[in-house]
PDB file of N, CA and C in Angstrom:
ATOM      1  N   MET A   1       0.500   4.148 -15.797  1.00  0.00           N
ATOM      2  CA  MET A   1       1.778   4.581 -16.199  1.00  0.00           C
ATOM      3  C   MET A   1       3.350   4.607 -15.488  1.00  0.00           C
ATOM      4  N   GLY A   2       3.192   5.758 -14.502  1.00  0.00           N
ATOM      5  CA  GLY A   2       3.612   6.100 -13.491  1.00  0.00           C
ATOM      6  C   GLY A   2       5.133   6.600 -13.741  1.00  0.00           C
ATOM      7  N   PRO A   3       5.769   7.311 -12.977  1.00  0.00           N
ATOM      8  CA  PRO A   3       7.237   7.897 -13.560  1.00  0.00           C
ATOM      9  C   PRO A   3       8.001   7.294 -13.747  1.00  0.00           C
ATOM     10  N   THR A   4       9.116   7.205 -14.637  1.00  0.00           N
ATOM     11  CA  THR A   4      10.297   6.323 -14.788  1.00  0.00           C
ATOM     12  C   THR A   4      11.336   6.215 -13.801  1.00  0.00           C
ATOM     13  N   PHE A   5      12.186   7.687 -12.969  1.00  0.00           N
ATOM     14  CA  PHE A   5      13.084   7.717 -12.607  1.00  0.00           C
ATOM     15  C   PHE A   5      14.007   6.495 -12.818  1.00  0.00           C
ATOM     16  N   GLY A   6      14.592   6.611 -14.270  1.00  0.00           N
ATOM     17  CA  GLY A   6      15.652   6.363 -13.917  1.00  0.00           C
ATOM     18  C   GLY A   6      15.456   4.852 -14.715  1.00  0.00           C
ATOM     19  N   ILE A   7      14.225   4.486 -14.605  1.00  0.00           N
ATOM     20  CA  ILE A   7      13.972   2.958 -15.323  1.00  0.00           C
ATOM     21  C   ILE A   7      13.412   3.175 -16.680  1.00  0.00           C
ATOM     22  N   LYS A   8      14.374   3.695 -17.503  1.00  0.00           N
ATOM     23  CA  LYS A   8      13.980   4.053 -18.598  1.00  0.00           C
ATOM     24  C   LYS A   8      13.921   3.106 -19.701  1.00  0.00           C
ATOM     25  N   GLY A   9      15.109   2.712 -20.160  1.00  0.00           N
ATOM     26  CA  GLY A   9      15.177   1.964 -21.325  1.00  0.00           C
ATOM     27  C   GLY A   9      15.830   0.660 -20.215  1.00  0.00           C
ATOM     28  N   GLY A  10      16.303   0.249 -19.597  1.00  0.00           N
ATOM     29  CA  GLY A  10      16.460  -1.230 -18.622  1.00  0.00           C
ATOM     30  C   GLY A  10      15.577  -2.340 -18.735  1.00  0.00           C
ATOM     31  N   PRO A  11      14.017  -2.024 -18.988  1.00  0.00           N
ATOM     32  CA  PRO A  11      13.076  -3.139 -18.951  1.00  0.00           C
ATOM     33  C   PRO A  11      13.101  -3.299 -20.604  1.00  0.00           C
ATOM     34  N   ALA A  12      13.250  -2.498 -21.760  1.00  0.00           N
ATOM     35  CA  ALA A  12      13.277  -3.326 -22.862  1.00  0.00           C
ATOM     36  C   ALA A  12      14.134  -3.733 -23.224  1.00  0.00           C
ATOM     37  N   MET A  13      15.236  -3.560 -22.497  1.00  0.00           N
ATOM     38  CA  MET A  13      16.851  -4.363 -22.884  1.00  0.00           C
ATOM     39  C   MET A  13      16.216  -6.102 -22.799  1.00  0.00           C
ATOM     40  N   TYR A  14      15.283  -6.125 -21.479  1.00  0.00           N
ATOM     41  CA  TYR A  14      15.291  -7.619 -21.133  1.00  0.00           C
ATOM     42  C   TYR A  14      14.063  -8.521 -21.364  1.00  0.00           C
ATOM     43  N   GLY A  15      13.473  -7.330 -22.426  1.00  0.00           N
ATOM     44  CA  GLY A  15      12.226  -7.656 -23.306  1.00  0.00           C
ATOM     45  C   GLY A  15      10.800  -7.505 -22.689  1.00  0.00           C
ATOM     46  N   ALA A  16      10.992  -6.344 -21.777  1.00  0.00           N
ATOM     47  CA  ALA A  16       9.394  -5.943 -21.115  1.00  0.00           C
ATOM     48  C   ALA A  16       9.016  -4.565 -21.864  1.00  0.00           C
ATOM     49  N   ASP A  17       7.629  -4.964 -22.247  1.00  0.00           N
ATOM     50  CA  ASP A  17       7.210  -3.306 -22.567  1.00  0.00           C
ATOM     51  C   ASP A  17       7.236  -2.277 -21.665  1.00  0.00           C
ATOM     52  N   GLY A  18       7.350  -2.569 -20.850  1.00  0.00           N
ATOM     53  CA  GLY A  18       7.313  -1.289 -19.607  1.00  0.00           C
ATOM     54  C   GLY A  18       7.371  -1.746 -18.033  1.00  0.00           C
ATOM     55  N   VAL A  19       7.061  -0.211 -17.323  1.00  0.00           N
ATOM     56  CA  VAL A  19       7.534  -0.629 -15.606  1.00  0.00           C
ATOM     57  C   VAL A  19       5.761  -0.619 -15.599  1.00  0.00           C
ATOM     58  N   SER A  20       5.199  -1.055 -14.743  1.00  0.00           N
ATOM     59  CA  SER A  20       4.134  -0.913 -13.677  1.00  0.00           C
ATOM     60  C   SER A  20       4.398  -0.519 -12.181  1.00  0.00           C
ATOM     61  N   TRP A  21       4.163   0.270 -11.794  1.00  0.00           N
ATOM     62  CA  TRP A  21       3.852   1.179 -10.521  1.00  0.00           C
ATOM     63  C   TRP A  21       2.796   0.680  -9.904  1.00  0.00           C
ATOM     64  N   ALA A  22       3.305   0.135  -8.523  1.00  0.00           N
ATOM     65  CA  ALA A  22       2.122  -0.085  -7.727  1.00  0.00           C
ATOM     66  C   ALA A  22       2.056   1.598  -7.705  1.00  0.00           C
ATOM     67  N   PRO A  23       0.935   1.722  -6.614  1.00  0.00           N
ATOM     68  CA  PRO A  23       0.633   3.184  -6.167  1.00  0.00           C
ATOM     69  C   PRO A  23       1.316   3.971  -5.371  1.00  0.00           C
ATOM     70  N   ALA A  24       1.724   3.313  -4.720  1.00  0.00           N
ATOM     71  CA  ALA A  24       2.518   3.921  -3.288  1.00  0.00           C
ATOM     72  C   ALA A  24       3.886   4.046  -4.124  1.00  0.00           C
ATOM     73  N   ALA A  25       4.042   3.020  -5.013  1.00  0.00           N
ATOM     74  CA  ALA A  25       5.850   2.999  -4.881  1.00  0.00           C
ATOM     75  C   ALA A  25       5.990   4.737  -6.031  1.00  0.00           C
ATOM     76  N   ALA A  26       4.630   4.811  -7.056  1.00  0.00           N
ATOM     77  CA  ALA A  26       5.355   5.760  -7.434  1.00  0.00           C
ATOM     78  C   ALA A  26       4.683   7.281  -6.938  1.00  0.00           C
ATOM     79  N   ARG A  27       3.976   7.142  -5.948  1.00  0.00           N
ATOM     80  CA  ARG A  27       3.732   8.371  -5.254  1.00  0.00           C
ATOM     81  C   ARG A  27       5.246   8.468  -4.400  1.00  0.00           C
ATOM     82  N   GLN A  28       6.036   7.682  -4.058  1.00  0.00           N
ATOM     83  CA  GLN A  28       7.375   8.071  -3.077  1.00  0.00           C
ATOM     84  C   GLN A  28       8.471   8.227  -4.074  1.00  0.00           C
ATOM     85  N   VAL A  29       8.250   7.563  -5.260  1.00  0.00           N
ATOM     86  CA  VAL A  29       9.376   8.128  -6.204  1.00  0.00           C
ATOM     87  C   VAL A  29       8.647   9.547  -6.990  1.00  0.00           C
ATOM     88  N   GLU A  30       8.069   9.583  -6.891  1.00  0.00           N
ATOM     89  CA  GLU A  30       7.326  11.275  -7.520  1.00  0.00           C
ATOM     90  C   GLU A  30       8.087  12.541  -5.747  1.00  0.00           C
ATOM     91  N   ALA A  31       7.691  12.390  -4.937  1.00  0.00           N
ATOM     92  CA  ALA A  31       7.775  12.930  -3.899  1.00  0.00           C
ATOM     93  C   ALA A  31       9.709  12.688  -3.899  1.00  0.00           C
ATOM     94  N   TRP A  32      10.411  11.945  -4.512  1.00  0.00           N
ATOM     95  CA  TRP A  32      11.781  11.756  -4.204  1.00  0.00           C
ATOM     96  C   TRP A  32      12.144  12.639  -5.440  1.00  0.00           C
ATOM     97  N   GLN A  33      11.805  12.641  -6.736  1.00  0.00           N
ATOM     98  CA  GLN A  33      11.622  13.426  -7.552  1.00  0.00           C
ATOM     99  C   GLN A  33      11.906  14.766  -7.353  1.00  0.00           C
ATOM    100  N   ALA A  34      10.865  15.302  -6.750  1.00  0.00           N
ATOM    101  CA  ALA A  34      10.750  17.012  -5.900  1.00  0.00           C
ATOM    102  C   ALA A  34      11.584  16.887  -5.189  1.00  0.00           C
ATOM    103  N   GLU A  35      12.404  16.526  -4.328  1.00  0.00           N
ATOM    104  CA  GLU A  35      13.096  16.252  -3.449  1.00  0.00           C
ATOM    105  C   GLU A  35      14.630  16.516  -4.096  1.00  0.00           C
ATOM    106  N   GLY A  36      14.668  16.182  -5.146  1.00  0.00           N
ATOM    107  CA  GLY A  36      15.954  16.103  -6.075  1.00  0.00           C
ATOM    108  C   GLY A  36      16.516  14.921  -6.028  1.00  0.00           C
ATOM    109  N   TRP A  37      15.724  13.873  -5.857  1.00  0.00           N
ATOM    110  CA  TRP A  37      16.866  12.480  -5.626  1.00  0.00           C
ATOM    111  C   TRP A  37      16.409  11.953  -6.901  1.00  0.00           C
ATOM    112  N   GLY A  38      15.941  12.586  -8.192  1.00  0.00           N
ATOM    113  CA  GLY A  38      15.869  12.379  -9.554  1.00  0.00           C
ATOM    114  C   GLY A  38      16.806  11.574 -10.008  1.00  0.00           C
ATOM    115  N   SER A  39      18.142  11.956  -9.752  1.00  0.00           N
ATOM    116  CA  SER A  39      19.110  11.886 -10.677  1.00  0.00           C
ATOM    117  C   SER A  39      20.182  10.654 -10.097  1.00  0.00           C
ATOM    118  N   LEU A  40      19.706   9.435  -9.171  1.00  0.00           N
ATOM    119  CA  LEU A  40      20.477   8.794  -8.594  1.00  0.00           C
ATOM    120  C   LEU A  40      19.853   7.139  -9.709  1.00  0.00           C
ATOM    121  N   PRO A  41      21.085   6.840  -9.658  1.00  0.00           N
ATOM    122  CA  PRO A  41      20.958   5.251 -10.312  1.00  0.00           C
ATOM    123  C   PRO A  41      20.224   4.263  -9.640  1.00  0.00           C
ATOM    124  N   VAL A  42      19.409   3.683 -10.652  1.00  0.00           N
ATOM    125  CA  VAL A  42      18.220   2.538  -9.835  1.00  0.00           C
ATOM    126  C   VAL A  42      18.845   1.154  -9.962  1.00  0.00           C
ATOM    127  N   LEU A  43      18.879   0.706  -9.181  1.00  0.00           N
ATOM    128  CA  LEU A  43      18.700  -0.684  -9.007  1.00  0.00           C
ATOM    129  C   LEU A  43      17.914  -1.817  -8.884  1.00  0.00           C
ATOM    130  N   VAL A  44      17.740  -2.585  -9.478  1.00  0.00           N
ATOM    131  CA  VAL A  44      16.147  -3.330  -9.870  1.00  0.00           C
ATOM    132  C   VAL A  44      16.143  -4.907  -9.291  1.00  0.00           C
ATOM    133  N   ALA A  45      15.746  -5.187  -7.937  1.00  0.00           N
ATOM    134  CA  ALA A  45      15.407  -6.058  -7.013  1.00  0.00           C
ATOM    135  C   ALA A  45      14.769  -7.153  -7.440  1.00  0.00           C
ATOM    136  N   ARG A  46      15.216  -8.009  -8.596  1.00  0.00           N
ATOM    137  CA  ARG A  46      14.490  -9.533  -9.048  1.00  0.00           C
ATOM    138  C   ARG A  46      14.400 -10.418  -8.762  1.00  0.00           C
ATOM    139  N   THR A  47      13.614 -11.407  -9.194  1.00  0.00           N
ATOM    140  CA  THR A  47      14.110 -12.797  -9.182  1.00  0.00           C
ATOM    141  C   THR A  47      15.382 -13.236  -9.649  1.00  0.00           C
ATOM    142  N   PRO A  48      16.337 -13.900  -9.084  1.00  0.00           N
ATOM    143  CA  PRO A  48      17.730 -14.253 -10.304  1.00  0.00           C
ATOM    144  C   PRO A  48      17.310 -15.421 -10.991  1.00  0.00           C
ATOM    145  N   LEU A  49      15.940 -15.618 -10.995  1.00  0.00           N
ATOM    146  CA  LEU A  49      15.730 -16.914 -11.249  1.00  0.00           C
ATOM    147  C   LEU A  49      15.252 -17.039 -13.228  1.00  0.00           C
ATOM    148  N   SER A  50      15.119 -15.469 -13.120  1.00  0.00           N
ATOM    149  CA  SER A  50      14.237 -14.773 -14.388  1.00  0.00           C
ATOM    150  C   SER A  50      14.764 -13.980 -14.910  1.00  0.00           C
ATOM    151  N   LEU A  51      14.874 -13.612 -16.431  1.00  0.00           N
ATOM    152  CA  LEU A  51      14.803 -12.166 -17.000  1.00  0.00           C
ATOM    153  C   LEU A  51      13.638 -11.068 -16.345  1.00  0.00           C
ATOM    154  N   THR A  52      12.678 -11.279 -15.803  1.00  0.00           N
ATOM    155  CA  THR A  52      11.523 -10.972 -15.839  1.00  0.00           C
ATOM    156  C   THR A  52      11.449 -11.183 -13.985  1.00  0.00           C
ATOM    157  N   ALA A  53      10.314 -10.619 -13.137  1.00  0.00           N
ATOM    158  CA  ALA A  53       9.793 -10.560 -11.753  1.00  0.00           C
ATOM    159  C   ALA A  53       9.210 -12.021 -10.967  1.00  0.00           C
ATOM    160  N   ASP A  54       9.011 -12.971 -12.632  1.00  0.00           N
ATOM    161  CA  ASP A  54       7.660 -14.221 -12.455  1.00  0.00           C
ATOM    162  C   ASP A  54       9.310 -15.052 -12.785  1.00  0.00           C
ATOM    163  N   PRO A  55       9.679 -15.830 -11.402  1.00  0.00           N
ATOM    164  CA  PRO A  55      10.501 -17.080 -11.640  1.00  0.00           C
ATOM    165  C   PRO A  55      10.219 -17.935 -12.149  1.00  0.00           C
ATOM    166  N   GLN A  56       8.916 -17.910 -12.431  1.00  0.00           N
ATOM    167  CA  GLN A  56       8.444 -19.318 -13.244  1.00  0.00           C
ATOM    168  C   GLN A  56       8.917 -19.332 -14.958  1.00  0.00           C
ATOM    169  N   ALA A  57       8.955 -17.634 -15.636  1.00  0.00           N
ATOM    170  CA  ALA A  57       9.047 -17.181 -16.606  1.00  0.00           C
ATOM    171  C   ALA A  57      10.809 -17.623 -17.548  1.00  0.00           C
ATOM    172  N   LYS A  58      10.884 -18.615 -18.193  1.00  0.00           N
ATOM    173  CA  LYS A  58      11.785 -18.723 -18.384  1.00  0.00           C
ATOM    174  C   LYS A  58      12.204 -18.513 -19.960  1.00  0.00           C
ATOM    175  N   GLY A  59      13.684 -18.508 -20.011  1.00  0.00           N
ATOM    176  CA  GLY A  59      14.363 -18.030 -21.633  1.00  0.00           C
ATOM    177  C   GLY A  59      14.052 -16.917 -21.480  1.00  0.00           C
ATOM    178  N   ALA A  60      13.944 -16.275 -22.657  1.00  0.00           N
ATOM    179  CA  ALA A  60      13.830 -14.887 -22.830  1.00  0.00           C
ATOM    180  C   ALA A  60      12.483 -13.963 -23.194  1.00  0.00           C
ATOM    181  N   PRO A  61      11.222 -13.865 -22.399  1.00  0.00           N
ATOM    182  CA  PRO A  61      10.093 -14.092 -22.607  1.00  0.00           C
ATOM    183  C   PRO A  61       9.981 -12.224 -23.007  1.00  0.00           C
ATOM    184  N   THR A  62       9.446 -11.965 -23.513  1.00  0.00           N
ATOM    185  CA  THR A  62       8.812 -10.787 -24.611  1.00  0.00           C
ATOM    186  C   THR A  62       7.303 -10.243 -23.958  1.00  0.00           C
ATOM    187  N   GLY A  63       7.449  -9.027 -24.087  1.00  0.00           N
ATOM    188  CA  GLY A  63       5.418  -8.677 -23.909  1.00  0.00           C
ATOM    189  C   GLY A  63       5.287  -8.573 -22.326  1.00  0.00           C
ATOM    190  N   TRP A  64       6.067  -8.269 -21.105  1.00  0.00           N
ATOM    191  CA  TRP A  64       5.702  -8.335 -19.890  1.00  0.00           C
ATOM    192  C   TRP A  64       5.857  -6.909 -19.417  1.00  0.00           C
ATOM    193  N   GLN A  65       5.625  -6.505 -18.278  1.00  0.00           N
ATOM    194  CA  GLN A  65       5.620  -5.309 -17.432  1.00  0.00           C
ATOM    195  C   GLN A  65       6.359  -5.664 -15.967  1.00  0.00           C
ATOM    196  N   LEU A  66       7.054  -5.039 -16.152  1.00  0.00           N
ATOM    197  CA  LEU A  66       8.304  -5.206 -14.815  1.00  0.00           C
ATOM    198  C   LEU A  66       7.665  -4.426 -13.704  1.00  0.00           C
ATOM    199  N   PRO A  67       6.775  -5.226 -12.550  1.00  0.00           N
ATOM    200  CA  PRO A  67       6.320  -4.838 -11.367  1.00  0.00           C
ATOM    201  C   PRO A  67       6.824  -4.130 -10.146  1.00  0.00           C
ATOM    202  N   VAL A  68       6.890  -2.856 -10.039  1.00  0.00           N
ATOM    203  CA  VAL A  68       7.761  -2.411  -9.238  1.00  0.00           C
ATOM    204  C   VAL A  68       6.748  -2.137  -7.869  1.00  0.00           C
ATOM    205  N   ARG A  69       6.799  -3.007  -6.745  1.00  0.00           N
ATOM    206  CA  ARG A  69       5.767  -2.275  -5.929  1.00  0.00           C
ATOM    207  C   ARG A  69       6.346  -2.007  -4.673  1.00  0.00           C
ATOM    208  N   GLU A  70       7.637  -1.265  -4.554  1.00  0.00           N
ATOM    209  CA  GLU A  70       8.473  -1.022  -3.460  1.00  0.00           C
ATOM    210  C   GLU A  70       9.787  -0.309  -3.654  1.00  0.00           C
ATOM    211  N   VAL A  71      10.058   0.745  -3.728  1.00  0.00           N
ATOM    212  CA  VAL A  71      10.912   1.502  -3.809  1.00  0.00           C
ATOM    213  C   VAL A  71      11.949   1.842  -2.750  1.00  0.00           C
ATOM    214  N   ARG A  72      13.231   2.137  -2.238  1.00  0.00           N
ATOM    215  CA  ARG A  72      14.002   2.519  -1.012  1.00  0.00           C
ATOM    216  C   ARG A  72      15.393   3.090  -1.424  1.00  0.00           C
ATOM    217  N   LEU A  73      15.071   4.339  -0.547  1.00  0.00           N
ATOM    218  CA  LEU A  73      16.069   5.140  -1.182  1.00  0.00           C
ATOM    219  C   LEU A  73      17.535   4.659  -0.162  1.00  0.00           C
ATOM    220  N   ALA A  74      18.501   4.541  -0.630  1.00  0.00           N
ATOM    221  CA  ALA A  74      19.466   4.835  -0.444  1.00  0.00           C
ATOM    222  C   ALA A  74      20.541   5.763  -0.020  1.00  0.00           C
ATOM    223  N   ALA A  75      20.402   7.006   0.356  1.00  0.00           N
ATOM    224  CA  ALA A  75      20.543   7.783   0.038  1.00  0.00           C
ATOM    225  C   ALA A  75      22.342   8.078   0.296  1.00  0.00           C
ATOM    226  N   GLY A  76      22.640   7.768   1.666  1.00  0.00           N
ATOM    227  CA  GLY A  76      24.260   7.690   2.132  1.00  0.00           C
ATOM    228  C   GLY A  76      25.095   6.971   0.954  1.00  0.00           C
ATOM    229  N   ALA A  77      24.088   5.757   0.340  1.00  0.00           N
ATOM    230  CA  ALA A  77      24.791   4.803  -0.360  1.00  0.00           C
ATOM    231  C   ALA A  77      24.880   5.727  -2.293  1.00  0.00           C
ATOM    232  N   GLY A  78      23.869   6.633  -1.991  1.00  0.00           N
ATOM    233  CA  GLY A  78      23.920   7.211  -3.472  1.00  0.00           C
ATOM    234  C   GLY A  78      23.391   6.541  -4.514  1.00  0.00           C
ATOM    235  N   TYR A  79      21.951   5.762  -4.134  1.00  0.00           N
ATOM    236  CA  TYR A  79      21.435   5.270  -5.469  1.00  0.00           C
ATOM    237  C   TYR A  79      19.827   4.556  -4.582  1.00  0.00           C
ATOM    238  N   VAL A  80      18.865   4.424  -5.500  1.00  0.00           N
ATOM    239  CA  VAL A  80      17.764   4.282  -5.267  1.00  0.00           C
ATOM    240  C   VAL A  80      17.618   2.336  -5.714  1.00  0.00           C
ATOM    241  N   TYR A  81      16.302   1.845  -4.744  1.00  0.00           N
ATOM    242  CA  TYR A  81      16.524   0.316  -5.381  1.00  0.00           C
ATOM    243  C   TYR A  81      14.927  -0.188  -5.662  1.00  0.00           C
ATOM    244  N   ALA A  82      14.735  -0.432  -6.153  1.00  0.00           N
ATOM    245  CA  ALA A  82      13.456  -0.973  -6.790  1.00  0.00           C
ATOM    246  C   ALA A  82      12.859  -2.446  -6.298  1.00  0.00           C
ATOM    247  N   LEU A  83      11.939  -2.890  -5.702  1.00  0.00           N
ATOM    248  CA  LEU A  83      11.714  -4.153  -5.191  1.00  0.00           C
ATOM    249  C   LEU A  83      10.502  -4.768  -6.310  1.00  0.00           C
ATOM    250  N   CYS A  84      10.924  -5.579  -7.231  1.00  0.00           N
ATOM    251  CA  CYS A  84      10.009  -6.288  -8.106  1.00  0.00           C
ATOM    252  C   CYS A  84       9.167  -7.318  -7.460  1.00  0.00           C
ATOM    253  N   GLY A  85       8.228  -7.935  -7.991  1.00  0.00           N
ATOM    254  CA  GLY A  85       7.392  -9.139  -7.680  1.00  0.00           C
ATOM    255  C   GLY A  85       7.407  -9.262  -6.451  1.00  0.00           C
ATOM    256  N   SER A  86       8.311 -10.523  -5.694  1.00  0.00           N
ATOM    257  CA  SER A  86       7.823 -10.809  -4.317  1.00  0.00           C
ATOM    258  C   SER A  86       9.492 -11.152  -3.844  1.00  0.00           C
ATOM    259  N   VAL A  87      10.412 -10.582  -4.806  1.00  0.00           N
ATOM    260  CA  VAL A  87      11.348 -10.545  -4.600  1.00  0.00           C
ATOM    261  C   VAL A  87      11.490  -9.888  -2.769  1.00  0.00           C
ATOM    262  N   SER A  88      12.441 -10.209  -1.841  1.00  0.00           N
ATOM    263  CA  SER A  88      12.621  -9.520  -0.465  1.00  0.00           C
ATOM    264  C   SER A  88      13.807  -8.898   0.246  1.00  0.00           C
ATOM    265  N   THR A  89      13.842  -8.893   0.722  1.00  0.00           N
ATOM    266  CA  THR A  89      15.710  -8.288   1.198  1.00  0.00           C
ATOM    267  C   THR A  89      15.779  -8.432   2.326  1.00  0.00           C
ATOM    268  N   MET A  90      17.296  -8.837   2.863  1.00  0.00           N
ATOM    269  CA  MET A  90      17.799  -9.593   3.732  1.00  0.00           C
ATOM    270  C   MET A  90      17.719  -8.612   5.009  1.00  0.00           C
ATOM    271  N   PRO A  91      18.019  -9.265   5.858  1.00  0.00           N
ATOM    272  CA  PRO A  91      17.178  -8.702   7.480  1.00  0.00           C
ATOM    273  C   PRO A  91      18.174  -7.963   7.535  1.00  0.00           C
ATOM    274  N   GLY A  92      18.919  -6.887   8.690  1.00  0.00           N
ATOM    275  CA  GLY A  92      20.087  -6.247   8.793  1.00  0.00           C
ATOM    276  C   GLY A  92      20.300  -7.319  10.613  1.00  0.00           C
ATOM    277  N   LEU A  93      21.501  -6.590  10.995  1.00  0.00           N
ATOM    278  CA  LEU A  93      21.961  -7.397  11.807  1.00  0.00           C
ATOM    279  C   LEU A  93      21.744  -7.050  13.263  1.00  0.00           C
ATOM    280  N   PRO A  94      21.309  -6.868  14.314  1.00  0.00           N
ATOM    281  CA  PRO A  94      20.907  -6.703  15.695  1.00  0.00           C
ATOM    282  C   PRO A  94      22.162  -6.101  15.889  1.00  0.00           C
ATOM    283  N   SER A  95      22.188  -5.073  16.977  1.00  0.00           N
ATOM    284  CA  SER A  95      23.330  -4.558  17.069  1.00  0.00           C
ATOM    285  C   SER A  95      24.342  -5.240  18.030  1.00  0.00           C
ATOM    286  N   HIS A  96      23.674  -6.557  18.864  1.00  0.00           N
ATOM    287  CA  HIS A  96      24.891  -7.325  19.344  1.00  0.00           C
ATOM    288  C   HIS A  96      24.259  -8.809  19.003  1.00  0.00           C
ATOM    289  N   PRO A  97      25.250  -9.707  17.571  1.00  0.00           N
ATOM    290  CA  PRO A  97      24.347 -10.734  17.000  1.00  0.00           C
ATOM    291  C   PRO A  97      24.592 -11.482  18.273  1.00  0.00           C
ATOM    292  N   ALA A  98      23.750 -12.783  18.047  1.00  0.00           N
ATOM    293  CA  ALA A  98      23.782 -13.996  19.409  1.00  0.00           C
ATOM    294  C   ALA A  98      25.502 -14.969  18.869  1.00  0.00           C
ATOM    295  N   ALA A  99      26.075 -15.108  18.036  1.00  0.00           N
ATOM    296  CA  ALA A  99      27.192 -15.451  18.206  1.00  0.00           C
ATOM    297  C   ALA A  99      28.042 -15.073  19.017  1.00  0.00           C
ATOM    298  N   HIS A 100      28.218 -13.901  19.109  1.00  0.00           N
ATOM    299  CA  HIS A 100      29.087 -12.873  20.179  1.00  0.00           C
ATOM    300  C   HIS A 100      28.903 -13.702  21.772  1.00  0.00           C
ATOM    301  N   ASP A 101      27.968 -14.638  22.058  1.00  0.00           N
ATOM    302  CA  ASP A 101      27.571 -15.563  23.178  1.00  0.00           C
ATOM    303  C   ASP A 101      27.588 -16.636  23.208  1.00  0.00           C
ATOM    304  N   ILE A 102      28.170 -17.287  22.256  1.00  0.00           N
ATOM    305  CA  ILE A 102      28.278 -18.609  21.854  1.00  0.00           C
ATOM    306  C   ILE A 102      29.489 -18.959  22.687  1.00  0.00           C
ATOM    307  N   ASP A 103      30.046 -19.601  23.183  1.00  0.00           N
ATOM    308  CA  ASP A 103      31.122 -20.255  23.746  1.00  0.00           C
ATOM    309  C   ASP A 103      31.537 -21.827  24.110  1.00  0.00           C
ATOM    310  N   VAL A 104      32.178 -22.076  24.644  1.00  0.00           N
ATOM    311  CA  VAL A 104      32.310 -23.556  25.030  1.00  0.00           C
ATOM    312  C   VAL A 104      33.079 -23.732  26.116  1.00  0.00           C
ATOM    313  N   ASP A 105      32.651 -24.153  27.091  1.00  0.00           N
ATOM    314  CA  ASP A 105      32.511 -25.291  28.774  1.00  0.00           C
ATOM    315  C   ASP A 105      34.165 -25.840  28.323  1.00  0.00           C
ATOM    316  N   PRO A 106      35.081 -25.396  28.954  1.00  0.00           N
ATOM    317  CA  PRO A 106      36.569 -26.286  29.128  1.00  0.00           C
ATOM    318  C   PRO A 106      36.555 -27.205  29.351  1.00  0.00           C
ATOM    319  N   ALA A 107      35.539 -27.011  30.630  1.00  0.00           N
ATOM    320  CA  ALA A 107      35.721 -28.650  31.919  1.00  0.00           C
ATOM    321  C   ALA A 107      34.795 -29.416  30.973  1.00  0.00           C
ATOM    322  N   THR A 108      33.473 -29.538  30.080  1.00  0.00           N
ATOM    323  CA  THR A 108      32.857 -30.356  29.454  1.00  0.00           C
ATOM    324  C   THR A 108      33.059 -30.418  28.287  1.00  0.00           C
ATOM    325  N   GLY A 109      33.507 -29.506  27.757  1.00  0.00           N
ATOM    326  CA  GLY A 109      33.537 -29.165  25.836  1.00  0.00           C
ATOM    327  C   GLY A 109      32.223 -28.906  25.085  1.00  0.00           C
ATOM    328  N   GLN A 110      31.364 -28.794  26.538  1.00  0.00           N
ATOM    329  CA  GLN A 110      29.801 -28.373  25.471  1.00  0.00           C
ATOM    330  C   GLN A 110      29.779 -27.493  25.395  1.00  0.00           C
ATOM    331  N   VAL A 111      28.844 -26.926  24.440  1.00  0.00           N
ATOM    332  CA  VAL A 111      28.554 -25.304  23.332  1.00  0.00           C
ATOM    333  C   VAL A 111      27.457 -24.869  24.289  1.00  0.00           C
ATOM    334  N   LEU A 112      27.877 -24.096  24.678  1.00  0.00           N
ATOM    335  CA  LEU A 112      26.868 -22.918  25.212  1.00  0.00           C
ATOM    336  C   LEU A 112      25.827 -21.812  24.675  1.00  0.00           C
ATOM    337  N   ASN A 113      24.895 -21.684  24.901  1.00  0.00           N
ATOM    338  CA  ASN A 113      24.236 -20.034  24.618  1.00  0.00           C
ATOM    339  C   ASN A 113      23.977 -20.320  22.793  1.00  0.00           C
ATOM    340  N   LEU A 114      23.495 -21.704  22.662  1.00  0.00           N
ATOM    341  CA  LEU A 114      23.028 -21.793  21.484  1.00  0.00           C
ATOM    342  C   LEU A 114      21.751 -21.580  21.179  1.00  0.00           C
ATOM    343  N   ARG A 115      21.084 -20.903  20.741  1.00  0.00           N
ATOM    344  CA  ARG A 115      19.790 -20.744  20.133  1.00  0.00           C
ATOM    345  C   ARG A 115      19.364 -21.386  19.380  1.00  0.00           C
TER     346      ARG A 115
END
């Protein structure tokens, strides 16, 4: 079964029977609840191609489980987000983006430092 942690009625609204928690995600959520983070809103990251976490499931399927494989706490922003299925998040930028080094040689017009 696993914890609810704010993902209570949402899955049913989309036709799901419930939430399927990966063991590590369930442990993390239970620890956060014990630390007092249990009242934060929960965002669900899933494929944009379907109401489910399965991009092949079209229309409005029913009777499926929302597979939460990982949860992340954004304490400063004040929310938790659940990663479902094979969805991935975008990486952050480095402290010095490569775009800062791109330049044009005025003598030749050649673009420099493209990688």
